[in-house]
Amino acid sequence: MPATATPLPPLVQPVAGGWRVPAIANLHSHAFQRAMAGMAERQTHPEDSFWTWRETMYRMAARFDPDLLHAVASQLYVEMLEAGYGSVCEFHYVHHQPDGRPYAVHTAMADALLAAARDTGIRITLLPVLYMTGGFDGHALGERQKRFGHDVDSYLRLFDALRAHTGDGVRIGCALHSLRAVPEVAMREVLAALPADARIHIHVAEQIGEVQDCLALRDARPVEWLLGHADVDERWTLVHATHLDNAELAGIAASGATVAICPTTEANLGDGLFRLRDYLDAGGSWGIGSDSHISVSPVEELRWLEYGQRLDTRHRNIAVSAASTSVGETLLHGVMASAARSTGFEPGDDHVLLDGEAAVFAGATASDVADRWIFSGNVPCVREVEVAGVTLVSEGRHRDRDAVAGRYRQALVRLLA
């Protein structure tokens, strides 16, 4: 680590009532999964893993319709705003009716997510997902996956229809579900058809089994293959990228792509730990996502990003640099630096007011607020949130919290009936 470096510019500003910090971008979300948080914590197999969890997820996904998705997404986005997120990248693959037939309005499920974002005020980068095959060998989607599926032509029609919604609080990007779900030819066709400014997100190298299958059938590791077969650049966000070798890690950093790390979901699913220290040393861009929403808290994502490294290395204070010895400051700067790359939103008037009366900030100065916010426990410290200059959260409560929660409770009763 260099002995000296230019200090990081200040992110924390003292203001009346507390401390002002930028709102955080949530780089990876599957909104419907908020409804199953805490419902997959019973053993179904002695070797439970992501692959057995996925069975529970399929059963929940099959129960959704546009109205239920709107209710659940609205609750989720209220929770995000109250926690300090100002924008969300929504990785959306529940497109069709449960039997795989398109809705009469083929954008119906996506429209429900856009409406939830509009109603709650969060900025959304909606990422319709291309999902075509059930594995690297190209086998057909299973019955429970059919509502996720498109061919290239129908996917591009969906993408084009959704692009019409682009506006102040909406961006439309492209999501390739994963290398196992998108054949190479289809990937090339879609990438060639995208507008130059479209953000591109993909799940990659989340599980050891995925890496092994890719090696067996494509003779390369997933990130190795992707870097060799696509023009990966700053428009790309690689979600998870947990299992990397040294060349892959250096390759992502050099490409300018962002890695979306989802620590609470990756821990919940038993995915593994991202190599954060090595990636920081390589100058890589990264951000966080709440993914399956087992937690909806940027504080918890950032805290456990650091704590996972400590448990792995048996050392403390891993996410630091020559520019700052503060873990909290380094983490906040990391998520701020990647936000525009992944979301497509230029830095805007999205701010969080941390409550200066909170006990955790007693005697605080601007230099230690970030550390105290992230590492002082689970007492909510967000007092106000502004997105695009509009105050959406006051005294810790979203302006429509009660109405949204009421609809969410009704939706859960229907989903679990």
Protein backbone atom coordinates (compact mmCIF):
# COMPACT_ATOMS: atom_id res chain seq x y z
CA MET A 1 0.00 0.00 0.00
CA PRO A 2 1.48 3.43 -0.93
CA ALA A 3 2.73 5.52 1.99
CA THR A 4 0.86 8.63 0.86
CA ALA A 5 -2.11 9.45 -1.34
CA THR A 6 -4.53 12.29 -1.92
CA PRO A 7 -7.06 12.21 0.93
CA LEU A 8 -10.61 11.23 0.02
CA PRO A 9 -12.96 14.19 -0.46
CA PRO A 10 -15.41 14.57 2.43
CA LEU A 11 -18.78 12.81 2.07
CA VAL A 12 -20.13 13.68 5.51
CA GLN A 13 -21.37 17.23 6.01
CA PRO A 14 -22.54 18.68 9.35
CA VAL A 15 -25.97 20.30 8.92
CA ALA A 16 -28.77 21.38 11.21
CA GLY A 17 -30.18 18.27 12.85
CA GLY A 18 -27.33 15.92 12.11
CA TRP A 19 -25.02 14.70 9.39
CA ARG A 20 -25.70 14.74 5.68
CA VAL A 21 -24.40 11.89 3.49
CA PRO A 22 -25.22 10.83 -0.07
CA ALA A 23 -28.00 8.28 -0.49
CA ILE A 24 -26.71 4.84 -1.45
CA ALA A 25 -27.41 2.97 -4.69
CA ASN A 26 -28.72 -0.59 -4.31
CA LEU A 27 -27.11 -2.35 -7.27
CA HIS A 28 -29.00 -5.66 -7.17
CA SER A 29 -32.61 -6.42 -6.26
CA HIS A 30 -35.16 -9.16 -6.92
CA ALA A 31 -38.19 -7.40 -5.44
CA PHE A 32 -40.54 -10.41 -5.26
CA GLN A 33 -38.09 -12.25 -2.99
CA ARG A 34 -38.80 -9.78 -0.17
CA ALA A 35 -41.98 -11.78 0.41
CA MET A 36 -40.02 -14.95 1.21
CA ALA A 37 -37.37 -13.47 3.49
CA GLY A 38 -37.13 -15.70 6.57
CA MET A 39 -39.17 -18.48 4.92
CA ALA A 40 -36.30 -20.61 3.62
CA GLU A 41 -34.52 -21.20 6.92
CA ARG A 42 -35.61 -24.80 7.54
CA GLN A 43 -33.41 -27.65 6.41
CA THR A 44 -34.73 -29.45 3.34
CA HIS A 45 -31.60 -31.52 2.64
CA PRO A 46 -28.50 -32.39 4.70
CA GLU A 47 -26.42 -30.44 2.16
CA ASP A 48 -28.72 -27.44 1.69
CA SER A 49 -27.26 -24.80 -0.61
CA PHE A 50 -28.23 -22.18 -3.16
CA TRP A 51 -29.53 -24.96 -5.38
CA THR A 52 -32.03 -26.24 -2.79
CA TRP A 53 -32.99 -22.69 -1.76
CA ARG A 54 -33.88 -22.11 -5.39
CA GLU A 55 -36.75 -24.62 -5.10
CA THR A 56 -38.40 -22.44 -2.44
CA MET A 57 -37.84 -19.38 -4.61
CA TYR A 58 -39.52 -21.02 -7.60
CA ARG A 59 -42.58 -21.87 -5.52
CA MET A 60 -42.89 -18.27 -4.34
CA ALA A 61 -42.32 -16.82 -7.80
CA ALA A 62 -45.15 -18.94 -9.20
CA ARG A 63 -47.69 -17.19 -6.95
CA PHE A 64 -47.11 -13.63 -8.12
CA ASP A 65 -49.28 -11.52 -10.38
CA PRO A 66 -48.83 -7.82 -11.21
CA ASP A 67 -50.94 -6.58 -8.29
CA LEU A 68 -49.07 -8.70 -5.76
CA LEU A 69 -45.73 -7.67 -7.23
CA HIS A 70 -46.69 -4.00 -6.95
CA ALA A 71 -47.64 -4.41 -3.29
CA VAL A 72 -44.46 -6.28 -2.36
CA ALA A 73 -42.15 -4.01 -4.37
CA SER A 74 -43.74 -0.92 -2.84
CA GLN A 75 -43.08 -2.24 0.66
CA LEU A 76 -39.52 -3.11 -0.29
CA TYR A 77 -38.80 0.30 -1.80
CA VAL A 78 -40.20 2.06 1.28
CA GLU A 79 -37.87 -0.04 3.42
CA MET A 80 -34.94 0.80 1.15
CA LEU A 81 -35.61 4.51 1.36
CA GLU A 82 -36.02 4.43 5.14
CA ALA A 83 -32.67 2.60 5.37
CA GLY A 84 -30.77 5.14 3.26
CA TYR A 85 -30.93 3.79 -0.28
CA GLY A 86 -31.91 6.35 -2.92
CA SER A 87 -31.93 4.20 -6.04
CA VAL A 88 -32.30 0.55 -6.98
CA CYS A 89 -31.23 -1.67 -9.87
CA GLU A 90 -34.17 -4.08 -10.24
CA PHE A 91 -33.05 -7.35 -11.86
CA HIS A 92 -36.46 -8.45 -13.12
CA TYR A 93 -37.13 -11.92 -14.54
CA VAL A 94 -40.70 -12.83 -13.47
CA HIS A 95 -42.14 -11.73 -16.81
CA HIS A 96 -45.06 -13.98 -17.76
CA GLN A 97 -47.99 -15.85 -16.28
CA PRO A 98 -47.06 -18.94 -14.21
CA ASP A 99 -47.62 -21.28 -17.17
CA GLY A 100 -45.27 -19.22 -19.34
CA ARG A 101 -47.91 -17.47 -21.44
CA PRO A 102 -47.38 -13.71 -21.79
CA TYR A 103 -49.84 -11.39 -20.12
CA ALA A 104 -52.23 -9.57 -22.47
CA VAL A 105 -50.04 -6.53 -21.79
CA HIS A 106 -46.61 -8.13 -22.09
CA THR A 107 -45.00 -5.49 -19.86
CA ALA A 108 -47.51 -6.03 -17.03
CA MET A 109 -45.04 -7.31 -14.42
CA ALA A 110 -42.40 -4.72 -15.30
CA ASP A 111 -45.08 -2.02 -15.20
CA ALA A 112 -45.90 -3.07 -11.63
CA LEU A 113 -42.28 -2.46 -10.59
CA LEU A 114 -42.15 0.91 -12.32
CA ALA A 115 -45.38 1.91 -10.60
CA ALA A 116 -44.00 0.86 -7.21
CA ALA A 117 -40.90 2.99 -7.78
CA ARG A 118 -42.97 5.95 -8.95
CA ASP A 119 -45.37 5.67 -6.01
CA THR A 120 -42.63 5.47 -3.38
CA GLY A 121 -40.22 7.93 -5.02
CA ILE A 122 -37.13 5.76 -5.33
CA ARG A 123 -35.06 6.05 -8.50
CA ILE A 124 -35.15 2.77 -10.44
CA THR A 125 -32.91 1.21 -13.05
CA LEU A 126 -35.19 -1.52 -14.35
CA LEU A 127 -33.24 -4.43 -15.81
CA PRO A 128 -35.48 -6.82 -17.76
CA VAL A 129 -33.76 -10.19 -17.76
CA LEU A 130 -33.01 -12.43 -20.72
CA TYR A 131 -33.42 -16.02 -19.50
CA MET A 132 -33.36 -18.73 -22.20
CA THR A 133 -31.84 -22.02 -21.07
CA GLY A 134 -31.60 -24.13 -17.94
CA GLY A 135 -27.85 -24.68 -17.98
CA PHE A 136 -24.57 -24.41 -19.84
CA ASP A 137 -25.54 -27.44 -21.93
CA GLY A 138 -28.48 -25.47 -23.36
CA HIS A 139 -31.29 -27.66 -22.04
CA ALA A 140 -34.79 -26.15 -22.06
CA LEU A 141 -36.19 -24.20 -19.15
CA GLY A 142 -38.06 -26.27 -16.60
CA GLU A 143 -41.79 -25.83 -15.97
CA ARG A 144 -41.20 -23.45 -13.07
CA GLN A 145 -38.81 -21.34 -15.14
CA LYS A 146 -41.10 -20.82 -18.12
CA ARG A 147 -42.53 -17.57 -16.81
CA PHE A 148 -38.98 -16.18 -16.90
CA GLY A 149 -38.22 -17.04 -20.52
CA HIS A 150 -37.86 -15.11 -23.78
CA ASP A 151 -36.31 -15.68 -27.14
CA VAL A 152 -34.11 -12.88 -28.45
CA ASP A 153 -36.81 -11.21 -30.57
CA SER A 154 -39.44 -11.13 -27.81
CA TYR A 155 -36.85 -9.93 -25.31
CA LEU A 156 -35.82 -7.03 -27.52
CA ARG A 157 -39.48 -6.09 -28.00
CA LEU A 158 -39.87 -6.01 -24.23
CA PHE A 159 -36.71 -3.95 -23.85
CA ASP A 160 -37.82 -1.45 -26.49
CA ALA A 161 -41.27 -1.12 -24.94
CA LEU A 162 -39.80 -0.40 -21.53
CA ARG A 163 -37.28 2.13 -22.87
CA ALA A 164 -40.25 4.41 -23.55
CA HIS A 165 -40.51 4.88 -19.76
CA THR A 166 -37.01 6.38 -19.46
CA GLY A 167 -37.24 9.66 -17.56
CA ASP A 168 -36.02 11.59 -14.55
CA GLY A 169 -36.46 8.73 -12.10
CA VAL A 170 -36.31 5.76 -14.49
CA ARG A 171 -33.54 4.10 -16.45
CA ILE A 172 -33.93 0.90 -18.46
CA GLY A 173 -30.95 -1.42 -18.77
CA CYS A 174 -30.32 -4.99 -19.87
CA ALA A 175 -29.80 -8.02 -17.66
CA LEU A 176 -28.40 -11.30 -18.92
CA HIS A 177 -29.49 -13.71 -16.23
CA SER A 178 -26.24 -15.67 -16.29
CA LEU A 179 -23.93 -17.41 -18.71
CA ARG A 180 -25.73 -20.67 -18.05
CA ALA A 181 -29.06 -19.10 -19.03
CA VAL A 182 -27.99 -17.14 -22.14
CA PRO A 183 -26.29 -18.93 -25.06
CA GLU A 184 -23.35 -17.16 -26.68
CA VAL A 185 -25.13 -16.42 -29.96
CA ALA A 186 -28.09 -14.87 -28.13
CA MET A 187 -25.78 -12.79 -25.96
CA ARG A 188 -24.06 -11.38 -29.02
CA GLU A 189 -27.36 -10.55 -30.74
CA VAL A 190 -28.73 -8.73 -27.73
CA LEU A 191 -25.55 -6.80 -27.00
CA ALA A 192 -25.35 -5.68 -30.62
CA ALA A 193 -28.92 -4.35 -30.47
CA LEU A 194 -28.55 -2.33 -27.26
CA PRO A 195 -28.29 1.47 -27.21
CA ALA A 196 -24.77 2.68 -26.49
CA ASP A 197 -25.78 4.04 -23.07
CA ALA A 198 -27.57 0.91 -21.81
CA ARG A 199 -26.26 -0.57 -18.57
CA ILE A 200 -25.66 -4.33 -18.66
CA HIS A 201 -25.91 -6.53 -15.58
CA ILE A 202 -25.24 -10.27 -15.23
CA HIS A 203 -25.03 -12.86 -12.45
CA VAL A 204 -21.64 -14.53 -12.70
CA ALA A 205 -19.42 -16.90 -10.69
CA GLU A 206 -21.80 -16.98 -7.74
CA GLN A 207 -21.45 -20.70 -7.03
CA ILE A 208 -18.63 -23.22 -7.26
CA GLY A 209 -20.95 -25.52 -9.22
CA GLU A 210 -21.44 -22.79 -11.82
CA VAL A 211 -17.67 -22.44 -12.21
CA GLN A 212 -17.23 -26.20 -12.57
CA ASP A 213 -19.97 -26.48 -15.21
CA CYS A 214 -18.52 -23.59 -17.20
CA LEU A 215 -15.07 -25.18 -17.13
CA ALA A 216 -16.49 -28.53 -18.23
CA LEU A 217 -18.60 -27.20 -21.12
CA ARG A 218 -16.82 -23.99 -22.20
CA ASP A 219 -13.28 -24.84 -21.15
CA ALA A 220 -12.99 -21.59 -19.21
CA ARG A 221 -14.05 -20.12 -15.91
CA PRO A 222 -17.17 -17.88 -16.13
CA VAL A 223 -15.49 -14.49 -15.76
CA GLU A 224 -12.56 -15.64 -17.88
CA TRP A 225 -14.99 -16.64 -20.63
CA LEU A 226 -17.02 -13.43 -20.37
CA LEU A 227 -13.97 -11.18 -20.57
CA GLY A 228 -12.81 -13.10 -23.63
CA HIS A 229 -16.15 -13.05 -25.47
CA ALA A 230 -17.72 -9.65 -24.71
CA ASP A 231 -16.54 -6.06 -24.65
CA VAL A 232 -16.87 -5.70 -20.91
CA ASP A 233 -16.47 -2.06 -19.88
CA GLU A 234 -17.83 0.56 -17.48
CA ARG A 235 -21.42 -0.14 -18.58
CA TRP A 236 -21.24 -3.64 -17.09
CA THR A 237 -22.09 -4.76 -13.57
CA LEU A 238 -21.03 -8.29 -12.63
CA VAL A 239 -23.24 -9.48 -9.81
CA HIS A 240 -21.53 -11.57 -7.11
CA ALA A 241 -18.35 -12.57 -9.03
CA THR A 242 -17.53 -14.45 -5.85
CA HIS A 243 -15.26 -17.18 -7.20
CA LEU A 244 -12.43 -15.54 -9.13
CA ASP A 245 -8.85 -16.47 -9.86
CA ASN A 246 -6.14 -13.82 -9.96
CA ALA A 247 -6.41 -13.18 -13.71
CA GLU A 248 -10.20 -12.78 -13.53
CA LEU A 249 -9.98 -10.39 -10.61
CA ALA A 250 -7.39 -8.24 -12.37
CA GLY A 251 -9.37 -8.44 -15.62
CA ILE A 252 -12.57 -7.08 -14.08
CA ALA A 253 -10.69 -4.24 -12.41
CA ALA A 254 -8.93 -3.33 -15.66
CA SER A 255 -12.19 -3.43 -17.67
CA GLY A 256 -13.85 -0.71 -15.60
CA ALA A 257 -16.82 -2.94 -14.82
CA THR A 258 -18.42 -2.86 -11.38
CA VAL A 259 -18.89 -5.85 -9.11
CA ALA A 260 -22.19 -5.84 -7.21
CA ILE A 261 -21.46 -7.55 -3.90
CA CYS A 262 -24.47 -8.72 -1.86
CA PRO A 263 -22.98 -9.79 1.49
CA THR A 264 -26.13 -10.68 3.44
CA THR A 265 -27.63 -12.73 0.59
CA GLU A 266 -24.29 -14.36 -0.22
CA ALA A 267 -23.98 -15.33 3.44
CA ASN A 268 -27.59 -16.53 3.62
CA LEU A 269 -27.15 -18.74 0.56
CA GLY A 270 -23.69 -19.99 1.53
CA ASP A 271 -22.13 -18.58 -1.64
CA GLY A 272 -18.71 -17.64 -0.32
CA LEU A 273 -16.68 -14.46 0.23
CA PHE A 274 -15.62 -11.95 -2.40
CA ARG A 275 -11.88 -11.20 -2.46
CA LEU A 276 -12.31 -7.58 -1.43
CA ARG A 277 -8.76 -6.69 -0.35
CA ASP A 278 -7.20 -8.01 -3.54
CA TYR A 279 -9.84 -6.25 -5.62
CA LEU A 280 -9.29 -2.93 -3.86
CA ASP A 281 -5.57 -3.27 -4.45
CA ALA A 282 -6.29 -3.80 -8.16
CA GLY A 283 -8.32 -0.57 -8.25
CA GLY A 284 -11.62 -2.31 -8.97
CA SER A 285 -15.05 -0.66 -8.92
CA TRP A 286 -17.66 -2.19 -6.61
CA GLY A 287 -21.01 -1.54 -4.97
CA ILE A 288 -23.57 -3.35 -2.85
CA GLY A 289 -27.00 -4.88 -3.36
CA SER A 290 -29.61 -6.41 -1.11
CA ASP A 291 -30.48 -9.10 -3.71
CA SER A 292 -32.94 -11.48 -1.97
CA HIS A 293 -33.66 -8.89 0.76
CA ILE A 294 -32.93 -11.13 3.70
CA SER A 295 -31.81 -7.71 4.92
CA VAL A 296 -32.77 -4.30 3.56
CA SER A 297 -30.01 -2.21 5.07
CA PRO A 298 -26.95 -0.67 3.41
CA VAL A 299 -25.36 -0.49 6.87
CA GLU A 300 -25.62 -4.25 7.28
CA GLU A 301 -24.34 -4.94 3.75
CA LEU A 302 -21.30 -2.72 4.29
CA ARG A 303 -20.63 -3.97 7.79
CA TRP A 304 -20.71 -7.61 6.74
CA LEU A 305 -18.66 -6.91 3.65
CA GLU A 306 -15.89 -5.86 6.03
CA TYR A 307 -16.63 -8.48 8.71
CA GLY A 308 -16.48 -11.33 6.19
CA GLN A 309 -12.95 -10.25 5.29
CA ARG A 310 -11.99 -10.10 8.96
CA LEU A 311 -13.29 -13.62 9.59
CA ASP A 312 -11.45 -14.92 6.55
CA THR A 313 -8.11 -13.21 7.25
CA ARG A 314 -8.29 -13.02 11.07
CA HIS A 315 -7.25 -9.36 10.87
CA ARG A 316 -9.12 -6.10 11.40
CA ASN A 317 -9.75 -2.98 9.31
CA ILE A 318 -9.40 -4.53 5.85
CA ALA A 319 -11.23 -2.03 3.61
CA VAL A 320 -8.82 0.89 3.92
CA SER A 321 -6.37 2.58 1.60
CA ALA A 322 -3.52 5.06 1.55
CA ALA A 323 -6.18 7.72 0.99
CA SER A 324 -8.02 6.85 4.22
CA THR A 325 -7.44 4.64 7.25
CA SER A 326 -11.18 4.76 8.02
CA VAL A 327 -13.09 1.62 7.00
CA GLY A 328 -16.43 3.43 7.02
CA GLU A 329 -15.15 6.30 4.91
CA THR A 330 -13.54 3.91 2.41
CA LEU A 331 -16.73 1.86 2.10
CA LEU A 332 -18.95 4.91 1.56
CA HIS A 333 -16.61 6.26 -1.10
CA GLY A 334 -16.63 2.87 -2.82
CA VAL A 335 -20.41 2.74 -3.19
CA MET A 336 -20.58 6.38 -4.27
CA ALA A 337 -17.91 5.95 -6.94
CA SER A 338 -19.71 3.07 -8.67
CA ALA A 339 -23.31 4.30 -8.51
CA ALA A 340 -23.50 6.13 -11.85
CA ARG A 341 -21.73 3.32 -13.69
CA SER A 342 -24.27 0.74 -12.60
CA THR A 343 -27.49 2.76 -12.46
CA GLY A 344 -27.09 5.18 -15.36
CA PHE A 345 -28.10 8.08 -13.11
CA GLU A 346 -25.70 10.95 -12.83
CA PRO A 347 -25.03 11.97 -9.22
CA GLY A 348 -28.17 13.79 -8.19
CA ASP A 349 -29.81 15.51 -5.29
CA ASP A 350 -30.22 12.31 -3.26
CA HIS A 351 -29.23 12.71 0.37
CA VAL A 352 -29.62 11.08 3.75
CA LEU A 353 -29.77 13.04 7.00
CA LEU A 354 -28.35 11.01 9.86
CA ASP A 355 -29.94 11.92 13.17
CA GLY A 356 -27.54 14.08 15.17
CA GLU A 357 -29.52 13.25 18.33
CA ALA A 358 -28.84 9.51 17.99
CA ALA A 359 -26.74 8.26 20.88
CA VAL A 360 -24.23 6.63 18.53
CA PHE A 361 -23.19 10.10 17.31
CA ALA A 362 -22.57 11.64 20.72
CA GLY A 363 -19.45 13.77 20.42
CA ALA A 364 -18.99 12.77 16.77
CA THR A 365 -17.02 14.73 14.21
CA ALA A 366 -17.31 14.49 10.42
CA SER A 367 -14.21 12.27 10.40
CA ASP A 368 -15.80 9.44 12.37
CA VAL A 369 -19.51 9.60 11.45
CA ALA A 370 -19.21 6.97 8.69
CA ASP A 371 -17.49 4.51 11.02
CA ARG A 372 -20.05 5.09 13.77
CA TRP A 373 -23.01 4.74 11.40
CA ILE A 374 -21.82 1.43 9.94
CA PHE A 375 -20.21 -0.20 12.98
CA SER A 376 -22.21 0.97 16.00
CA GLY A 377 -25.00 -1.59 15.93
CA ASN A 378 -28.53 -1.75 14.54
CA VAL A 379 -30.18 1.38 15.95
CA PRO A 380 -31.73 3.16 12.91
CA CYS A 381 -29.95 6.48 12.38
CA VAL A 382 -31.64 7.72 9.18
CA ARG A 383 -33.77 10.75 9.96
CA GLU A 384 -34.57 12.12 6.50
CA VAL A 385 -34.08 11.01 2.90
CA GLU A 386 -34.31 13.27 -0.15
CA VAL A 387 -34.44 11.90 -3.70
CA ALA A 388 -34.33 14.36 -6.59
CA GLY A 389 -34.83 17.13 -4.05
CA VAL A 390 -38.07 15.62 -2.67
CA THR A 391 -38.23 14.62 1.00
CA LEU A 392 -39.56 11.06 1.08
CA VAL A 393 -38.57 10.10 4.63
CA SER A 394 -39.07 12.34 7.67
CA GLU A 395 -38.34 11.39 11.28
CA GLY A 396 -37.34 7.97 9.98
CA ARG A 397 -40.71 7.23 8.34
CA HIS A 398 -41.60 7.15 4.66
CA ARG A 399 -44.50 9.45 3.85
CA ASP A 400 -46.71 6.50 2.77
CA ARG A 401 -45.39 3.86 5.14
CA ASP A 402 -48.70 2.85 6.73
CA ALA A 403 -50.71 2.58 3.51
CA VAL A 404 -47.96 0.63 1.77
CA ALA A 405 -47.54 -1.72 4.74
CA GLY A 406 -51.28 -2.39 4.80
CA ARG A 407 -51.26 -3.45 1.15
CA TYR A 408 -48.17 -5.56 1.76
CA ARG A 409 -49.83 -7.45 4.62
CA GLN A 410 -52.83 -8.19 2.42
CA ALA A 411 -50.53 -9.38 -0.36
CA LEU A 412 -48.67 -11.73 1.95
CA VAL A 413 -51.92 -13.29 3.12
CA ARG A 414 -52.76 -14.03 -0.53
CA LEU A 415 -49.28 -15.31 -1.35
CA LEU A 416 -49.20 -17.68 1.61
CA ALA A 417 -52.78 -18.91 1.38
